[in-house]
């Protein structure tokens, strides 16, 4: 298991855990980051990431990406 920030671009991964405070977890879950879901990193610029999750593209910052464990 590792944070989303360590994943290679283009590789699909299964979300194992979403960490952080309650409000952070709820926010990420509302974007589609749920345990068991598929996530693929599209691009990374300066630690900020664009990812495909639930057939949508979402931009998240490095802090948020570090809370998503794959």
N, C-alpha and C. Protein backbone atom coordinates (compact mmCIF):
# COMPACT_ATOMS: atom_id res chain seq x y z
N UNK A 1 0.83 -1.19 0.00
CA UNK A 1 0.00 0.00 0.00
C UNK A 1 0.88 1.25 0.00
N UNK A 2 0.44 2.24 -0.78
CA UNK A 2 1.20 3.50 -0.87
C UNK A 2 0.25 4.64 -1.21
N UNK A 3 0.67 5.89 -0.92
CA UNK A 3 -0.20 7.03 -1.26
C UNK A 3 -0.27 7.21 -2.77
N UNK A 4 -1.32 7.85 -3.21
CA UNK A 4 -1.56 8.08 -4.64
C UNK A 4 -0.42 8.86 -5.28
N UNK A 5 0.29 9.67 -4.51
CA UNK A 5 1.37 10.49 -5.06
C UNK A 5 2.54 9.64 -5.56
N UNK A 6 2.63 8.37 -5.14
CA UNK A 6 3.75 7.51 -5.53
C UNK A 6 3.42 6.60 -6.72
N UNK A 7 2.22 6.73 -7.26
CA UNK A 7 1.75 5.86 -8.33
C UNK A 7 2.25 6.37 -9.68
N UNK A 8 2.54 5.45 -10.60
CA UNK A 8 2.97 5.83 -11.95
C UNK A 8 1.77 6.35 -12.74
N UNK A 9 2.03 7.32 -13.60
CA UNK A 9 0.99 7.89 -14.46
C UNK A 9 0.47 6.82 -15.43
N UNK A 10 -0.84 6.75 -15.58
CA UNK A 10 -1.45 5.82 -16.53
C UNK A 10 -1.76 4.45 -15.98
N UNK A 11 -1.31 4.15 -14.77
CA UNK A 11 -1.55 2.83 -14.17
C UNK A 11 -2.84 2.84 -13.35
N UNK A 12 -3.81 1.98 -13.68
CA UNK A 12 -5.02 1.93 -12.84
C UNK A 12 -4.72 1.28 -11.48
N UNK A 13 -5.27 1.84 -10.43
CA UNK A 13 -5.06 1.32 -9.07
C UNK A 13 -6.39 1.25 -8.34
N UNK A 14 -6.48 0.33 -7.40
CA UNK A 14 -7.68 0.20 -6.58
C UNK A 14 -7.44 0.94 -5.26
N UNK A 15 -8.39 1.77 -4.87
CA UNK A 15 -8.28 2.54 -3.63
C UNK A 15 -8.48 1.58 -2.45
N UNK A 16 -7.48 1.52 -1.57
CA UNK A 16 -7.55 0.65 -0.40
C UNK A 16 -8.12 1.37 0.82
N UNK A 17 -7.81 2.69 0.91
CA UNK A 17 -8.21 3.44 2.09
C UNK A 17 -8.19 4.93 1.77
N UNK A 18 -9.12 5.66 2.37
CA UNK A 18 -9.11 7.12 2.27
C UNK A 18 -8.93 7.65 3.69
N UNK A 19 -7.82 8.34 3.93
CA UNK A 19 -7.48 8.82 5.27
C UNK A 19 -7.87 10.26 5.48
N UNK A 20 -7.40 10.83 6.58
CA UNK A 20 -7.65 12.23 6.90
C UNK A 20 -8.80 12.39 7.89
N UNK A 21 -9.10 13.65 8.15
CA UNK A 21 -10.21 13.97 9.07
C UNK A 21 -11.53 13.62 8.41
N UNK A 22 -12.59 13.56 9.22
CA UNK A 22 -13.92 13.22 8.72
C UNK A 22 -14.34 14.08 7.53
N UNK A 23 -14.17 15.39 7.66
CA UNK A 23 -14.62 16.29 6.59
C UNK A 23 -13.81 16.07 5.32
N UNK A 24 -12.51 15.79 5.46
CA UNK A 24 -11.66 15.52 4.30
C UNK A 24 -12.10 14.24 3.61
N UNK A 25 -12.34 13.19 4.40
CA UNK A 25 -12.79 11.91 3.84
C UNK A 25 -14.12 12.07 3.11
N UNK A 26 -15.05 12.79 3.73
CA UNK A 26 -16.36 13.00 3.10
C UNK A 26 -16.23 13.77 1.79
N UNK A 27 -15.34 14.77 1.77
CA UNK A 27 -15.12 15.55 0.56
C UNK A 27 -14.56 14.66 -0.55
N UNK A 28 -13.54 13.86 -0.22
CA UNK A 28 -12.94 12.97 -1.22
C UNK A 28 -13.95 11.93 -1.70
N UNK A 29 -14.75 11.40 -0.77
CA UNK A 29 -15.76 10.41 -1.15
C UNK A 29 -16.81 11.04 -2.06
N UNK A 30 -17.13 12.30 -1.85
CA UNK A 30 -18.11 12.98 -2.72
C UNK A 30 -17.56 13.17 -4.14
N UNK A 31 -16.23 13.20 -4.26
CA UNK A 31 -15.60 13.29 -5.58
C UNK A 31 -15.50 11.92 -6.25
N UNK A 32 -15.75 10.85 -5.49
CA UNK A 32 -15.70 9.51 -6.06
C UNK A 32 -14.56 8.65 -5.55
N UNK A 33 -13.76 9.17 -4.63
CA UNK A 33 -12.65 8.41 -4.06
C UNK A 33 -13.18 7.53 -2.93
N UNK A 34 -13.65 6.33 -3.27
CA UNK A 34 -14.20 5.42 -2.27
C UNK A 34 -13.39 4.13 -2.26
N UNK A 35 -13.34 3.49 -1.11
CA UNK A 35 -12.60 2.23 -0.96
C UNK A 35 -13.12 1.22 -1.97
N UNK A 36 -12.19 0.59 -2.70
CA UNK A 36 -12.56 -0.39 -3.71
C UNK A 36 -12.73 0.22 -5.09
N UNK A 37 -12.72 1.54 -5.19
CA UNK A 37 -12.88 2.22 -6.48
C UNK A 37 -11.58 2.23 -7.26
N UNK A 38 -11.71 2.42 -8.56
CA UNK A 38 -10.55 2.45 -9.45
C UNK A 38 -10.12 3.90 -9.67
N UNK A 39 -8.82 4.15 -9.60
CA UNK A 39 -8.28 5.50 -9.82
C UNK A 39 -7.04 5.40 -10.70
N UNK A 40 -6.93 6.31 -11.68
CA UNK A 40 -5.78 6.35 -12.58
C UNK A 40 -5.25 7.77 -12.62
N UNK A 41 -3.93 7.92 -12.43
CA UNK A 41 -3.31 9.25 -12.50
C UNK A 41 -3.13 9.60 -13.98
N UNK A 42 -3.69 10.74 -14.39
CA UNK A 42 -3.57 11.20 -15.77
C UNK A 42 -2.30 12.03 -15.93
N UNK A 43 -2.09 12.98 -15.02
CA UNK A 43 -0.87 13.79 -15.06
C UNK A 43 -0.56 14.35 -13.68
N UNK A 44 0.70 14.75 -13.53
CA UNK A 44 1.15 15.33 -12.26
C UNK A 44 2.04 16.52 -12.56
N UNK A 45 1.72 17.67 -11.96
CA UNK A 45 2.51 18.88 -12.17
C UNK A 45 2.77 19.49 -10.79
N UNK A 46 4.00 19.48 -10.37
CA UNK A 46 4.37 20.07 -9.09
C UNK A 46 3.67 19.45 -7.89
N UNK A 47 3.39 18.14 -7.97
CA UNK A 47 2.72 17.45 -6.87
C UNK A 47 1.21 17.46 -6.99
N UNK A 48 0.65 18.40 -7.73
CA UNK A 48 -0.79 18.43 -7.96
C UNK A 48 -1.11 17.42 -9.07
N UNK A 49 -2.25 16.76 -8.95
CA UNK A 49 -2.56 15.66 -9.87
C UNK A 49 -3.91 15.82 -10.54
N UNK A 50 -3.98 15.29 -11.75
CA UNK A 50 -5.26 15.11 -12.42
C UNK A 50 -5.45 13.60 -12.50
N UNK A 51 -6.58 13.13 -11.99
CA UNK A 51 -6.83 11.69 -11.94
C UNK A 51 -8.19 11.36 -12.55
N UNK A 52 -8.30 10.15 -13.08
CA UNK A 52 -9.58 9.63 -13.53
C UNK A 52 -10.15 8.81 -12.39
N UNK A 53 -11.36 9.12 -11.97
CA UNK A 53 -12.04 8.35 -10.94
C UNK A 53 -13.52 8.34 -11.29
N UNK A 54 -14.12 7.16 -11.29
CA UNK A 54 -15.54 7.01 -11.64
C UNK A 54 -15.88 7.70 -12.96
N UNK A 55 -15.04 7.50 -13.97
CA UNK A 55 -15.23 8.04 -15.32
C UNK A 55 -15.30 9.57 -15.36
N UNK A 56 -14.67 10.22 -14.38
CA UNK A 56 -14.55 11.68 -14.35
C UNK A 56 -13.10 12.06 -14.13
N UNK A 57 -12.71 13.22 -14.62
CA UNK A 57 -11.37 13.73 -14.33
C UNK A 57 -11.47 14.72 -13.19
N UNK A 58 -10.61 14.53 -12.19
CA UNK A 58 -10.64 15.38 -11.00
C UNK A 58 -9.22 15.87 -10.73
N UNK A 59 -9.09 17.15 -10.39
CA UNK A 59 -7.79 17.71 -10.00
C UNK A 59 -7.74 17.78 -8.48
N UNK A 60 -6.66 17.23 -7.91
CA UNK A 60 -6.47 17.29 -6.46
C UNK A 60 -5.04 17.73 -6.16
N UNK A 61 -4.87 18.35 -4.99
CA UNK A 61 -3.53 18.79 -4.62
C UNK A 61 -2.76 17.64 -3.94
N UNK A 62 -1.50 17.89 -3.69
CA UNK A 62 -0.62 16.85 -3.14
C UNK A 62 -1.10 16.36 -1.77
N UNK A 63 -1.56 17.29 -0.92
CA UNK A 63 -2.04 16.90 0.42
C UNK A 63 -3.20 15.93 0.34
N UNK A 64 -4.16 16.21 -0.55
CA UNK A 64 -5.31 15.33 -0.73
C UNK A 64 -4.85 13.97 -1.30
N UNK A 65 -3.96 14.02 -2.28
CA UNK A 65 -3.48 12.79 -2.92
C UNK A 65 -2.76 11.90 -1.91
N UNK A 66 -2.08 12.49 -0.94
CA UNK A 66 -1.36 11.71 0.07
C UNK A 66 -2.32 10.98 1.02
N UNK A 67 -3.57 11.42 1.09
CA UNK A 67 -4.56 10.79 1.97
C UNK A 67 -5.24 9.60 1.30
N UNK A 68 -5.03 9.45 -0.01
CA UNK A 68 -5.65 8.35 -0.77
C UNK A 68 -4.61 7.24 -0.89
N UNK A 69 -4.90 6.10 -0.26
CA UNK A 69 -3.96 4.97 -0.23
C UNK A 69 -4.42 3.92 -1.24
N UNK A 70 -3.47 3.49 -2.10
CA UNK A 70 -3.79 2.47 -3.10
C UNK A 70 -2.94 1.24 -2.89
